[in-house]
Structures are given as C-alpha cells and as structure tokens.
PDB file of N, CA and C in Angstrom:
ATOM      1  N   MET A   1      -4.925  -8.585  11.446  1.00  0.00           N
ATOM      2  CA  MET A   1      -5.973  -7.629  11.196  1.00  0.00           C
ATOM      3  C   MET A   1      -6.061  -6.659  12.376  1.00  0.00           C
ATOM      4  N   LEU A   2      -6.371  -5.410  12.086  1.00  0.00           N
ATOM      5  CA  LEU A   2      -6.488  -4.390  13.123  1.00  0.00           C
ATOM      6  C   LEU A   2      -7.833  -4.476  13.829  1.00  0.00           C
ATOM      7  N   GLU A   3      -7.826  -4.162  15.107  1.00  0.00           N
ATOM      8  CA  GLU A   3      -9.060  -4.104  15.891  1.00  0.00           C
ATOM      9  C   GLU A   3      -9.843  -2.857  15.462  1.00  0.00           C
ATOM     10  N   PRO A   4     -11.142  -2.988  15.144  1.00  0.00           N
ATOM     11  CA  PRO A   4     -11.912  -1.811  14.724  1.00  0.00           C
ATOM     12  C   PRO A   4     -12.014  -0.774  15.838  1.00  0.00           C
ATOM     13  N   GLN A   5     -12.057   0.492  15.453  1.00  0.00           N
ATOM     14  CA  GLN A   5     -12.149   1.578  16.420  1.00  0.00           C
ATOM     15  C   GLN A   5     -13.563   2.135  16.531  1.00  0.00           C
ATOM     16  N   VAL A   6     -14.522   1.478  15.901  1.00  0.00           N
ATOM     17  CA  VAL A   6     -15.927   1.898  15.962  1.00  0.00           C
ATOM     18  C   VAL A   6     -16.806   0.679  16.186  1.00  0.00           C
ATOM     19  N   ASP A   7     -17.995   0.921  16.699  1.00  0.00           N
ATOM     20  CA  ASP A   7     -19.012  -0.122  16.798  1.00  0.00           C
ATOM     21  C   ASP A   7     -20.114   0.235  15.811  1.00  0.00           C
ATOM     22  N   LEU A   8     -20.435  -0.669  14.923  1.00  0.00           N
ATOM     23  CA  LEU A   8     -21.472  -0.427  13.927  1.00  0.00           C
ATOM     24  C   LEU A   8     -22.801  -0.894  14.497  1.00  0.00           C
ATOM     25  N   ALA A   9     -23.730   0.042  14.705  1.00  0.00           N
ATOM     26  CA  ALA A   9     -25.006  -0.271  15.361  1.00  0.00           C
ATOM     27  C   ALA A   9     -26.084  -0.664  14.370  1.00  0.00           C
ATOM     28  N   SER A  10     -26.050  -0.099  13.164  1.00  0.00           N
ATOM     29  CA  SER A  10     -27.062  -0.407  12.154  1.00  0.00           C
ATOM     30  C   SER A  10     -26.574   0.090  10.804  1.00  0.00           C
ATOM     31  N   ILE A  11     -27.248  -0.376   9.749  1.00  0.00           N
ATOM     32  CA  ILE A  11     -26.919   0.112   8.409  1.00  0.00           C
ATOM     33  C   ILE A  11     -28.187   0.286   7.591  1.00  0.00           C
ATOM     34  N   TYR A  12     -28.067   1.129   6.582  1.00  0.00           N
ATOM     35  CA  TYR A  12     -29.104   1.314   5.569  1.00  0.00           C
ATOM     36  C   TYR A  12     -28.449   0.977   4.245  1.00  0.00           C
ATOM     37  N   LEU A  13     -29.073   0.116   3.474  1.00  0.00           N
ATOM     38  CA  LEU A  13     -28.568  -0.238   2.150  1.00  0.00           C
ATOM     39  C   LEU A  13     -29.595   0.203   1.118  1.00  0.00           C
ATOM     40  N   ASP A  14     -29.191   1.059   0.186  1.00  0.00           N
ATOM     41  CA  ASP A  14     -30.111   1.585  -0.822  1.00  0.00           C
ATOM     42  C   ASP A  14     -30.383   0.548  -1.907  1.00  0.00           C
ATOM     43  N   GLN A  15     -29.343   0.028  -2.501  1.00  0.00           N
ATOM     44  CA  GLN A  15     -29.479  -0.956  -3.570  1.00  0.00           C
ATOM     45  C   GLN A  15     -28.566  -2.129  -3.246  1.00  0.00           C
ATOM     46  N   ILE A  16     -29.121  -3.316  -3.311  1.00  0.00           N
ATOM     47  CA  ILE A  16     -28.342  -4.509  -2.985  1.00  0.00           C
ATOM     48  C   ILE A  16     -28.207  -5.362  -4.243  1.00  0.00           C
ATOM     49  N   HIS A  17     -26.993  -5.518  -4.699  1.00  0.00           N
ATOM     50  CA  HIS A  17     -26.691  -6.368  -5.852  1.00  0.00           C
ATOM     51  C   HIS A  17     -26.607  -7.809  -5.377  1.00  0.00           C
ATOM     52  N   GLU A  18     -26.872  -8.748  -6.258  1.00  0.00           N
ATOM     53  CA  GLU A  18     -26.852 -10.166  -5.867  1.00  0.00           C
ATOM     54  C   GLU A  18     -25.493 -10.621  -5.348  1.00  0.00           C
ATOM     55  N   GLU A  19     -24.406  -9.946  -5.740  1.00  0.00           N
ATOM     56  CA  GLU A  19     -23.069 -10.303  -5.265  1.00  0.00           C
ATOM     57  C   GLU A  19     -22.595  -9.397  -4.120  1.00  0.00           C
ATOM     58  N   ASP A  20     -23.479  -8.560  -3.615  1.00  0.00           N
ATOM     59  CA  ASP A  20     -23.145  -7.637  -2.532  1.00  0.00           C
ATOM     60  C   ASP A  20     -22.785  -8.417  -1.272  1.00  0.00           C
ATOM     61  N   VAL A  21     -21.777  -7.972  -0.568  1.00  0.00           N
ATOM     62  CA  VAL A  21     -21.347  -8.653   0.659  1.00  0.00           C
ATOM     63  C   VAL A  21     -21.861  -7.968   1.924  1.00  0.00           C
ATOM     64  N   CYS A  22     -22.468  -6.788   1.788  1.00  0.00           N
ATOM     65  CA  CYS A  22     -22.906  -6.026   2.972  1.00  0.00           C
ATOM     66  C   CYS A  22     -23.999  -6.731   3.762  1.00  0.00           C
ATOM     67  N   ALA A  23     -25.056  -7.179   3.096  1.00  0.00           N
ATOM     68  CA  ALA A  23     -26.172  -7.814   3.812  1.00  0.00           C
ATOM     69  C   ALA A  23     -25.734  -9.103   4.508  1.00  0.00           C
ATOM     70  N   PRO A  24     -25.011 -10.008   3.840  1.00  0.00           N
ATOM     71  CA  PRO A  24     -24.551 -11.204   4.549  1.00  0.00           C
ATOM     72  C   PRO A  24     -23.617 -10.874   5.717  1.00  0.00           C
ATOM     73  N   PHE A  25     -22.751  -9.876   5.538  1.00  0.00           N
ATOM     74  CA  PHE A  25     -21.852  -9.459   6.616  1.00  0.00           C
ATOM     75  C   PHE A  25     -22.658  -8.959   7.811  1.00  0.00           C
ATOM     76  N   ALA A  26     -23.657  -8.122   7.543  1.00  0.00           N
ATOM     77  CA  ALA A  26     -24.491  -7.570   8.617  1.00  0.00           C
ATOM     78  C   ALA A  26     -25.209  -8.688   9.361  1.00  0.00           C
ATOM     79  N   ARG A  27     -25.798  -9.618   8.636  1.00  0.00           N
ATOM     80  CA  ARG A  27     -26.498 -10.739   9.284  1.00  0.00           C
ATOM     81  C   ARG A  27     -25.535 -11.567  10.127  1.00  0.00           C
ATOM     82  N   GLU A  28     -24.359 -11.843   9.589  1.00  0.00           N
ATOM     83  CA  GLU A  28     -23.358 -12.654  10.293  1.00  0.00           C
ATOM     84  C   GLU A  28     -22.922 -12.008  11.608  1.00  0.00           C
ATOM     85  N   HIS A  29     -22.905 -10.681  11.634  1.00  0.00           N
ATOM     86  CA  HIS A  29     -22.422  -9.956  12.811  1.00  0.00           C
ATOM     87  C   HIS A  29     -23.548  -9.346  13.649  1.00  0.00           C
ATOM     88  N   GLY A  30     -24.795  -9.693  13.323  1.00  0.00           N
ATOM     89  CA  GLY A  30     -25.927  -9.208  14.115  1.00  0.00           C
ATOM     90  C   GLY A  30     -26.198  -7.716  13.988  1.00  0.00           C
ATOM     91  N   ILE A  31     -25.856  -7.142  12.841  1.00  0.00           N
ATOM     92  CA  ILE A  31     -26.073  -5.715  12.606  1.00  0.00           C
ATOM     93  C   ILE A  31     -27.399  -5.558  11.865  1.00  0.00           C
ATOM     94  N   PRO A  32     -28.361  -4.834  12.442  1.00  0.00           N
ATOM     95  CA  PRO A  32     -29.650  -4.683  11.774  1.00  0.00           C
ATOM     96  C   PRO A  32     -29.555  -3.810  10.524  1.00  0.00           C
ATOM     97  N   ILE A  33     -30.329  -4.181   9.508  1.00  0.00           N
ATOM     98  CA  ILE A  33     -30.428  -3.412   8.269  1.00  0.00           C
ATOM     99  C   ILE A  33     -31.803  -2.748   8.267  1.00  0.00           C
ATOM    100  N   TYR A  34     -31.828  -1.435   8.096  1.00  0.00           N
ATOM    101  CA  TYR A  34     -33.082  -0.688   8.115  1.00  0.00           C
ATOM    102  C   TYR A  34     -33.438  -0.194   6.717  1.00  0.00           C
ATOM    103  N   PRO A  35     -34.744   0.010   6.455  1.00  0.00           N
ATOM    104  CA  PRO A  35     -35.201   0.398   5.118  1.00  0.00           C
ATOM    105  C   PRO A  35     -35.033   1.882   4.792  1.00  0.00           C
ATOM    106  N   SER A  36     -34.586   2.690   5.745  1.00  0.00           N
ATOM    107  CA  SER A  36     -34.381   4.119   5.479  1.00  0.00           C
ATOM    108  C   SER A  36     -33.195   4.626   6.307  1.00  0.00           C
ATOM    109  N   ILE A  37     -32.658   5.749   5.875  1.00  0.00           N
ATOM    110  CA  ILE A  37     -31.541   6.358   6.600  1.00  0.00           C
ATOM    111  C   ILE A  37     -31.991   6.778   7.992  1.00  0.00           C
ATOM    112  N   ILE A  38     -33.176   7.376   8.078  1.00  0.00           N
ATOM    113  CA  ILE A  38     -33.683   7.836   9.388  1.00  0.00           C
ATOM    114  C   ILE A  38     -33.829   6.666  10.345  1.00  0.00           C
ATOM    115  N   LYS A  39     -34.378   5.558   9.880  1.00  0.00           N
ATOM    116  CA  LYS A  39     -34.541   4.396  10.760  1.00  0.00           C
ATOM    117  C   LYS A  39     -33.179   3.836  11.173  1.00  0.00           C
ATOM    118  N   ALA A  40     -32.211   3.838  10.262  1.00  0.00           N
ATOM    119  CA  ALA A  40     -30.872   3.350  10.608  1.00  0.00           C
ATOM    120  C   ALA A  40     -30.215   4.250  11.650  1.00  0.00           C
ATOM    121  N   LEU A  41     -30.381   5.565  11.509  1.00  0.00           N
ATOM    122  CA  LEU A  41     -29.784   6.503  12.466  1.00  0.00           C
ATOM    123  C   LEU A  41     -30.450   6.448  13.831  1.00  0.00           C
ATOM    124  N   THR A  42     -31.729   6.083  13.862  1.00  0.00           N
ATOM    125  CA  THR A  42     -32.467   6.058  15.133  1.00  0.00           C
ATOM    126  C   THR A  42     -32.716   4.640  15.627  1.00  0.00           C
ATOM    127  N   LEU A  43     -32.070   3.662  14.977  1.00  0.00           N
ATOM    128  CA  LEU A  43     -32.245   2.247  15.324  1.00  0.00           C
ATOM    129  C   LEU A  43     -33.717   1.852  15.319  1.00  0.00           C
ATOM    130  N   GLY A  44     -34.460   2.402  14.349  1.00  0.00           N
ATOM    131  CA  GLY A  44     -35.869   2.070  14.198  1.00  0.00           C
ATOM    132  C   GLY A  44     -36.797   2.899  15.053  1.00  0.00           C
ATOM    133  N   GLY A  45     -36.245   3.725  15.925  1.00  0.00           N
ATOM    134  CA  GLY A  45     -37.062   4.567  16.804  1.00  0.00           C
ATOM    135  C   GLY A  45     -37.242   5.949  16.218  1.00  0.00           C
ATOM    136  N   GLY A  46     -37.631   6.893  17.049  1.00  0.00           N
ATOM    137  CA  GLY A  46     -37.902   8.228  16.557  1.00  0.00           C
ATOM    138  C   GLY A  46     -36.859   9.266  16.912  1.00  0.00           C
ATOM    139  N   ARG A  47     -35.852   8.893  17.680  1.00  0.00           N
ATOM    140  CA  ARG A  47     -34.857   9.878  18.113  1.00  0.00           C
ATOM    141  C   ARG A  47     -33.452   9.348  17.845  1.00  0.00           C
ATOM    142  N   ALA A  48     -32.566  10.252  17.497  1.00  0.00           N
ATOM    143  CA  ALA A  48     -31.173   9.872  17.251  1.00  0.00           C
ATOM    144  C   ALA A  48     -30.298  10.385  18.389  1.00  0.00           C
ATOM    145  N   VAL A  49     -29.295   9.614  18.724  1.00  0.00           N
ATOM    146  CA  VAL A  49     -28.334  10.015  19.745  1.00  0.00           C
ATOM    147  C   VAL A  49     -26.941   9.755  19.194  1.00  0.00           C
ATOM    148  N   LEU A  50     -26.100  10.757  19.226  1.00  0.00           N
ATOM    149  CA  LEU A  50     -24.720  10.625  18.776  1.00  0.00           C
ATOM    150  C   LEU A  50     -23.833  10.571  20.006  1.00  0.00           C
ATOM    151  N   LEU A  51     -23.084   9.493  20.131  1.00  0.00           N
ATOM    152  CA  LEU A  51     -22.164   9.342  21.256  1.00  0.00           C
ATOM    153  C   LEU A  51     -20.749   9.537  20.764  1.00  0.00           C
ATOM    154  N   ASN A  52     -19.974  10.277  21.495  1.00  0.00           N
ATOM    155  CA  ASN A  52     -18.606  10.544  21.101  1.00  0.00           C
ATOM    156  C   ASN A  52     -17.663   9.918  22.088  1.00  0.00           C
TER     157      ASN A  52
END
C-alpha cells in the first residue's frame, strides 16, 4: 500500500448509510466528524487555515 500524501484533519458526512465505512474509519483513525462543512473546515472553531 502507498503512504498517503495528505493528513486528514476532519470530515463532514452529509448522509450516513448503515453500511457506510466512513464513520467507522474516522473513529478508528481518530478523525473527528463534524455536523457541518464549516465546522469541519475550521475544526469546530471559527477560523479556517489552509496549509500548503
């Protein structure tokens, strides 16, 4: 398997099906799931920072 080239800091899931693998994957890897896109982009805070 290839080493990932990104670090996933958070995710937003709109609709979660009972067979969806995203939520269990996120929990397994300590990735927070936020209830909105804005909260996911700002890690629950009020400001977003894009690092390149």
